[in-house]
Amino acid sequence: MSEPQASNEADRLAADLLPTRMDELAMEGRNDTSVLNELWAMAFALPRWYFVGTGKFPNVQPLAVIIDKKPFAMAFTAKGRADEYARKHGVLAIGDKPSILSFKVESAVRRIVALQRVGVFGILFDDTRGGWCIPLQRLPDMFMHFKAGGPGQTGVDPGSKAEPGSDAGPSD
């Protein structure tokens, strides 16, 4: 009975690696910032954000890495993407299995913004698929703008994952 379940989990993780509209927008946003509202709206319309966990229970925290001399929390739009990143970079909690943290978006925003107190500068999404980022100090305002019912969510279909904003854009 556990064999099919393991296979289903592997299939779900693999499906998370398929290209998405968000990946397209992240790449397009490098040259055309007009698509960033759609990208951010999609990110905030997701039900959950995923993070690679580091540390030992109960002190597991989202992984942060240094990019251009600044620490960024690494966020992912799907569990399989976080799993892939952890395995690729050897961030494995026990044996060969990564610790993947999953939070509803509103909770993720609160938790990640709190990392400013330990020096984390920003949040970077889907690093290996175009990657886009924002400084943590801007994250609460972005959340308010793009949350359900917010001005940035007008006409956004959460199932298609769309609508970003302002100068928060793809990472280089």
C-alpha atoms as a PDB file:
ATOM      1  CA  MET A   1       0.000   0.000   0.000  1.00  0.00           C
ATOM      2  CA  SER A   2       2.861   2.440   0.706  1.00  0.00           C
ATOM      3  CA  GLU A   3       4.479   1.763  -2.684  1.00  0.00           C
ATOM      4  CA  PRO A   4       1.709   3.421  -4.736  1.00  0.00           C
ATOM      5  CA  GLN A   5       1.626   6.318  -2.258  1.00  0.00           C
ATOM      6  CA  ALA A   6       5.384   6.847  -2.671  1.00  0.00           C
ATOM      7  CA  SER A   7       4.946   6.734  -6.432  1.00  0.00           C
ATOM      8  CA  ASN A   8       2.107   9.270  -6.237  1.00  0.00           C
ATOM      9  CA  GLU A   9       4.266  11.609  -4.138  1.00  0.00           C
ATOM     10  CA  ALA A  10       7.136  11.269  -6.617  1.00  0.00           C
ATOM     11  CA  ASP A  11       4.724  12.011  -9.474  1.00  0.00           C
ATOM     12  CA  ARG A  12       3.398  15.105  -7.665  1.00  0.00           C
ATOM     13  CA  LEU A  13       6.914  16.375  -6.998  1.00  0.00           C
ATOM     14  CA  ALA A  14       7.877  15.785 -10.634  1.00  0.00           C
ATOM     15  CA  ALA A  15       4.770  17.619 -11.862  1.00  0.00           C
ATOM     16  CA  ASP A  16       5.836  20.645  -9.779  1.00  0.00           C
ATOM     17  CA  LEU A  17       8.950  20.927 -11.953  1.00  0.00           C
ATOM     18  CA  LEU A  18       7.058  21.474 -15.204  1.00  0.00           C
ATOM     19  CA  PRO A  19       7.289  24.999 -16.668  1.00  0.00           C
ATOM     20  CA  THR A  20       4.506  27.374 -15.613  1.00  0.00           C
ATOM     21  CA  ARG A  21       3.149  30.742 -16.670  1.00  0.00           C
ATOM     22  CA  MET A  22       4.954  32.183 -13.641  1.00  0.00           C
ATOM     23  CA  ASP A  23       8.285  30.906 -14.998  1.00  0.00           C
ATOM     24  CA  GLU A  24       7.527  32.580 -18.341  1.00  0.00           C
ATOM     25  CA  LEU A  25       6.628  35.846 -16.635  1.00  0.00           C
ATOM     26  CA  ALA A  26       9.768  35.789 -14.463  1.00  0.00           C
ATOM     27  CA  MET A  27      11.944  35.435 -17.560  1.00  0.00           C
ATOM     28  CA  GLU A  28       9.943  37.985 -19.547  1.00  0.00           C
ATOM     29  CA  GLY A  29      10.089  40.415 -16.607  1.00  0.00           C
ATOM     30  CA  ARG A  30      13.856  40.739 -17.029  1.00  0.00           C
ATOM     31  CA  ASN A  31      13.235  42.760 -20.189  1.00  0.00           C
ATOM     32  CA  ASP A  32       9.623  43.893 -19.814  1.00  0.00           C
ATOM     33  CA  THR A  33       8.655  45.066 -16.345  1.00  0.00           C
ATOM     34  CA  SER A  34       5.034  45.484 -17.429  1.00  0.00           C
ATOM     35  CA  VAL A  35       4.475  41.760 -16.724  1.00  0.00           C
ATOM     36  CA  LEU A  36       5.597  41.955 -13.083  1.00  0.00           C
ATOM     37  CA  ASN A  37       2.141  42.828 -11.754  1.00  0.00           C
ATOM     38  CA  GLU A  38       0.802  39.623 -13.243  1.00  0.00           C
ATOM     39  CA  LEU A  39       3.703  37.613 -11.811  1.00  0.00           C
ATOM     40  CA  TRP A  40       3.317  38.983  -8.280  1.00  0.00           C
ATOM     41  CA  ALA A  41      -0.451  38.640  -8.319  1.00  0.00           C
ATOM     42  CA  MET A  42      -0.013  34.978  -9.238  1.00  0.00           C
ATOM     43  CA  ALA A  43       2.535  34.453  -6.449  1.00  0.00           C
ATOM     44  CA  PHE A  44       0.237  35.987  -3.839  1.00  0.00           C
ATOM     45  CA  ALA A  45      -2.750  34.026  -5.194  1.00  0.00           C
ATOM     46  CA  LEU A  46      -1.015  30.705  -4.495  1.00  0.00           C
ATOM     47  CA  PRO A  47      -2.466  28.748  -1.577  1.00  0.00           C
ATOM     48  CA  ARG A  48       0.995  28.112  -0.070  1.00  0.00           C
ATOM     49  CA  TRP A  49       4.640  29.050  -0.367  1.00  0.00           C
ATOM     50  CA  TYR A  50       7.338  26.431   0.221  1.00  0.00           C
ATOM     51  CA  PHE A  51      10.776  26.716   1.790  1.00  0.00           C
ATOM     52  CA  VAL A  52      13.751  24.442   2.326  1.00  0.00           C
ATOM     53  CA  GLY A  53      14.121  24.000   6.077  1.00  0.00           C
ATOM     54  CA  THR A  54      17.465  24.211   7.863  1.00  0.00           C
ATOM     55  CA  GLY A  55      18.317  23.497  11.468  1.00  0.00           C
ATOM     56  CA  LYS A  56      17.074  20.894  13.896  1.00  0.00           C
ATOM     57  CA  PHE A  57      13.525  20.520  15.155  1.00  0.00           C
ATOM     58  CA  PRO A  58      12.005  22.537  16.801  1.00  0.00           C
ATOM     59  CA  ASN A  59      14.263  25.324  15.470  1.00  0.00           C
ATOM     60  CA  VAL A  60      13.813  24.688  11.746  1.00  0.00           C
ATOM     61  CA  GLN A  61      14.011  27.900   9.729  1.00  0.00           C
ATOM     62  CA  PRO A  62      13.685  28.698   6.015  1.00  0.00           C
ATOM     63  CA  LEU A  63      16.976  28.510   4.167  1.00  0.00           C
ATOM     64  CA  ALA A  64      18.607  31.836   3.323  1.00  0.00           C
ATOM     65  CA  VAL A  65      21.530  32.193   0.925  1.00  0.00           C
ATOM     66  CA  ILE A  66      23.824  35.088   0.044  1.00  0.00           C
ATOM     67  CA  ILE A  67      23.174  36.643  -3.362  1.00  0.00           C
ATOM     68  CA  ASP A  68      25.096  39.772  -4.367  1.00  0.00           C
ATOM     69  CA  LYS A  69      26.350  40.071  -0.767  1.00  0.00           C
ATOM     70  CA  LYS A  70      22.804  40.081   0.682  1.00  0.00           C
ATOM     71  CA  PRO A  71      20.932  37.219   2.414  1.00  0.00           C
ATOM     72  CA  PHE A  72      17.727  36.072   0.712  1.00  0.00           C
ATOM     73  CA  ALA A  73      15.173  33.566   2.002  1.00  0.00           C
ATOM     74  CA  MET A  74      14.682  30.965  -0.709  1.00  0.00           C
ATOM     75  CA  ALA A  75      10.976  30.520  -1.510  1.00  0.00           C
ATOM     76  CA  PHE A  76       9.312  28.178  -3.966  1.00  0.00           C
ATOM     77  CA  THR A  77       5.938  28.147  -5.659  1.00  0.00           C
ATOM     78  CA  ALA A  78       5.605  24.362  -5.368  1.00  0.00           C
ATOM     79  CA  LYS A  79       6.810  21.612  -3.025  1.00  0.00           C
ATOM     80  CA  GLY A  80       8.629  19.771  -5.807  1.00  0.00           C
ATOM     81  CA  ARG A  81      10.681  22.864  -6.581  1.00  0.00           C
ATOM     82  CA  ALA A  82      11.770  23.209  -2.954  1.00  0.00           C
ATOM     83  CA  ASP A  83      12.582  19.484  -2.857  1.00  0.00           C
ATOM     84  CA  GLU A  84      14.614  19.736  -6.074  1.00  0.00           C
ATOM     85  CA  TYR A  85      16.585  22.743  -4.764  1.00  0.00           C
ATOM     86  CA  ALA A  86      17.340  21.043  -1.428  1.00  0.00           C
ATOM     87  CA  ARG A  87      18.572  17.865  -3.102  1.00  0.00           C
ATOM     88  CA  LYS A  88      20.642  19.741  -5.693  1.00  0.00           C
ATOM     89  CA  HIS A  89      22.349  21.801  -2.989  1.00  0.00           C
ATOM     90  CA  GLY A  90      22.670  18.997  -0.413  1.00  0.00           C
ATOM     91  CA  VAL A  91      20.377  20.601   2.169  1.00  0.00           C
ATOM     92  CA  LEU A  92      19.136  17.318   3.587  1.00  0.00           C
ATOM     93  CA  ALA A  93      17.709  17.072   7.098  1.00  0.00           C
ATOM     94  CA  ILE A  94      17.891  13.352   7.783  1.00  0.00           C
ATOM     95  CA  GLY A  95      19.712  10.995   5.484  1.00  0.00           C
ATOM     96  CA  ASP A  96      18.693  11.782   1.928  1.00  0.00           C
ATOM     97  CA  LYS A  97      15.427  13.612   2.680  1.00  0.00           C
ATOM     98  CA  PRO A  98      15.067  17.402   2.757  1.00  0.00           C
ATOM     99  CA  SER A  99      12.941  19.266   5.276  1.00  0.00           C
ATOM    100  CA  ILE A 100      10.299  21.206   3.333  1.00  0.00           C
ATOM    101  CA  LEU A 101       8.342  23.913   5.120  1.00  0.00           C
ATOM    102  CA  SER A 102       4.948  24.916   3.791  1.00  0.00           C
ATOM    103  CA  PHE A 103       2.943  27.943   4.894  1.00  0.00           C
ATOM    104  CA  LYS A 104      -0.226  29.610   3.716  1.00  0.00           C
ATOM    105  CA  VAL A 105       0.836  32.826   2.002  1.00  0.00           C
ATOM    106  CA  GLU A 106      -0.293  35.203   4.767  1.00  0.00           C
ATOM    107  CA  SER A 107       1.555  33.143   7.375  1.00  0.00           C
ATOM    108  CA  ALA A 108       4.609  32.884   5.114  1.00  0.00           C
ATOM    109  CA  VAL A 109       4.720  36.670   4.765  1.00  0.00           C
ATOM    110  CA  ARG A 110       4.653  37.124   8.563  1.00  0.00           C
ATOM    111  CA  ARG A 111       7.306  34.454   9.136  1.00  0.00           C
ATOM    112  CA  ILE A 112       9.641  35.639   6.390  1.00  0.00           C
ATOM    113  CA  VAL A 113       9.370  39.348   7.239  1.00  0.00           C
ATOM    114  CA  ALA A 114      10.387  38.439  10.810  1.00  0.00           C
ATOM    115  CA  LEU A 115      13.715  37.187   9.430  1.00  0.00           C
ATOM    116  CA  GLN A 116      14.773  40.823   8.961  1.00  0.00           C
ATOM    117  CA  ARG A 117      15.717  40.778  12.649  1.00  0.00           C
ATOM    118  CA  VAL A 118      18.476  38.266  11.865  1.00  0.00           C
ATOM    119  CA  GLY A 119      19.670  40.164   8.800  1.00  0.00           C
ATOM    120  CA  VAL A 120      17.744  38.566   5.924  1.00  0.00           C
ATOM    121  CA  PHE A 121      17.352  41.199   3.202  1.00  0.00           C
ATOM    122  CA  GLY A 122      14.873  39.724   0.747  1.00  0.00           C
ATOM    123  CA  ILE A 123      12.918  36.763  -0.571  1.00  0.00           C
ATOM    124  CA  LEU A 124      13.805  34.999  -3.823  1.00  0.00           C
ATOM    125  CA  PHE A 125      11.290  32.742  -5.584  1.00  0.00           C
ATOM    126  CA  ASP A 126      12.037  29.739  -7.801  1.00  0.00           C
ATOM    127  CA  ASP A 127      15.736  30.495  -8.152  1.00  0.00           C
ATOM    128  CA  THR A 128      16.481  28.017 -10.936  1.00  0.00           C
ATOM    129  CA  ARG A 129      13.434  28.955 -13.034  1.00  0.00           C
ATOM    130  CA  GLY A 130      13.950  32.622 -13.714  1.00  0.00           C
ATOM    131  CA  GLY A 131      13.855  33.691 -10.102  1.00  0.00           C
ATOM    132  CA  TRP A 132      12.249  36.904  -8.914  1.00  0.00           C
ATOM    133  CA  CYS A 133      12.739  38.732  -5.653  1.00  0.00           C
ATOM    134  CA  ILE A 134      11.721  41.557  -3.363  1.00  0.00           C
ATOM    135  CA  PRO A 135      13.234  43.161  -0.247  1.00  0.00           C
ATOM    136  CA  LEU A 136      11.481  41.909   2.895  1.00  0.00           C
ATOM    137  CA  GLN A 137      10.595  45.446   3.962  1.00  0.00           C
ATOM    138  CA  ARG A 138       8.293  45.687   0.913  1.00  0.00           C
ATOM    139  CA  LEU A 139       6.667  42.266   1.354  1.00  0.00           C
ATOM    140  CA  PRO A 140       3.812  43.311   3.723  1.00  0.00           C
ATOM    141  CA  ASP A 141       2.670  46.111   1.389  1.00  0.00           C
ATOM    142  CA  MET A 142       2.902  43.775  -1.599  1.00  0.00           C
ATOM    143  CA  PHE A 143       0.793  41.231   0.280  1.00  0.00           C
ATOM    144  CA  MET A 144      -1.891  43.832   1.061  1.00  0.00           C
ATOM    145  CA  HIS A 145      -1.949  44.949  -2.568  1.00  0.00           C
ATOM    146  CA  PHE A 146      -2.130  41.466  -4.103  1.00  0.00           C
ATOM    147  CA  LYS A 147      -4.111  39.500  -1.517  1.00  0.00           C
ATOM    148  CA  ALA A 148      -7.620  38.320  -2.401  1.00  0.00           C
ATOM    149  CA  GLY A 149      -9.831  41.372  -2.638  1.00  0.00           C
ATOM    150  CA  GLY A 150      -6.822  43.716  -2.823  1.00  0.00           C
ATOM    151  CA  PRO A 151      -6.432  46.179  -5.696  1.00  0.00           C
ATOM    152  CA  GLY A 152      -3.761  44.018  -7.380  1.00  0.00           C
ATOM    153  CA  GLN A 153      -5.963  40.908  -7.546  1.00  0.00           C
ATOM    154  CA  THR A 154      -8.612  42.350  -9.864  1.00  0.00           C
ATOM    155  CA  GLY A 155      -9.328  39.816 -12.566  1.00  0.00           C
ATOM    156  CA  VAL A 156      -6.694  37.343 -11.407  1.00  0.00           C
ATOM    157  CA  ASP A 157      -7.450  33.651 -11.648  1.00  0.00           C
ATOM    158  CA  PRO A 158      -5.612  31.983  -8.721  1.00  0.00           C
ATOM    159  CA  GLY A 159      -5.590  28.752 -10.703  1.00  0.00           C
ATOM    160  CA  SER A 160      -3.480  30.393 -13.386  1.00  0.00           C
ATOM    161  CA  LYS A 161      -1.207  32.063 -10.820  1.00  0.00           C
ATOM    162  CA  ALA A 162      -0.899  35.683 -12.034  1.00  0.00           C
ATOM    163  CA  GLU A 163      -0.307  39.406 -11.266  1.00  0.00           C
ATOM    164  CA  PRO A 164       2.805  40.972  -9.732  1.00  0.00           C
ATOM    165  CA  GLY A 165       3.964  44.513  -9.137  1.00  0.00           C
ATOM    166  CA  SER A 166       6.246  47.546  -9.040  1.00  0.00           C
ATOM    167  CA  ASP A 167      10.009  47.409  -9.007  1.00  0.00           C
ATOM    168  CA  ALA A 168      10.086  44.013  -7.339  1.00  0.00           C
ATOM    169  CA  GLY A 169      11.281  41.860 -10.147  1.00  0.00           C
ATOM    170  CA  PRO A 170      13.292  38.953 -11.442  1.00  0.00           C
ATOM    171  CA  SER A 171      16.644  38.300  -9.884  1.00  0.00           C
ATOM    172  CA  ASP A 172      19.773  38.410 -11.972  1.00  0.00           C
END
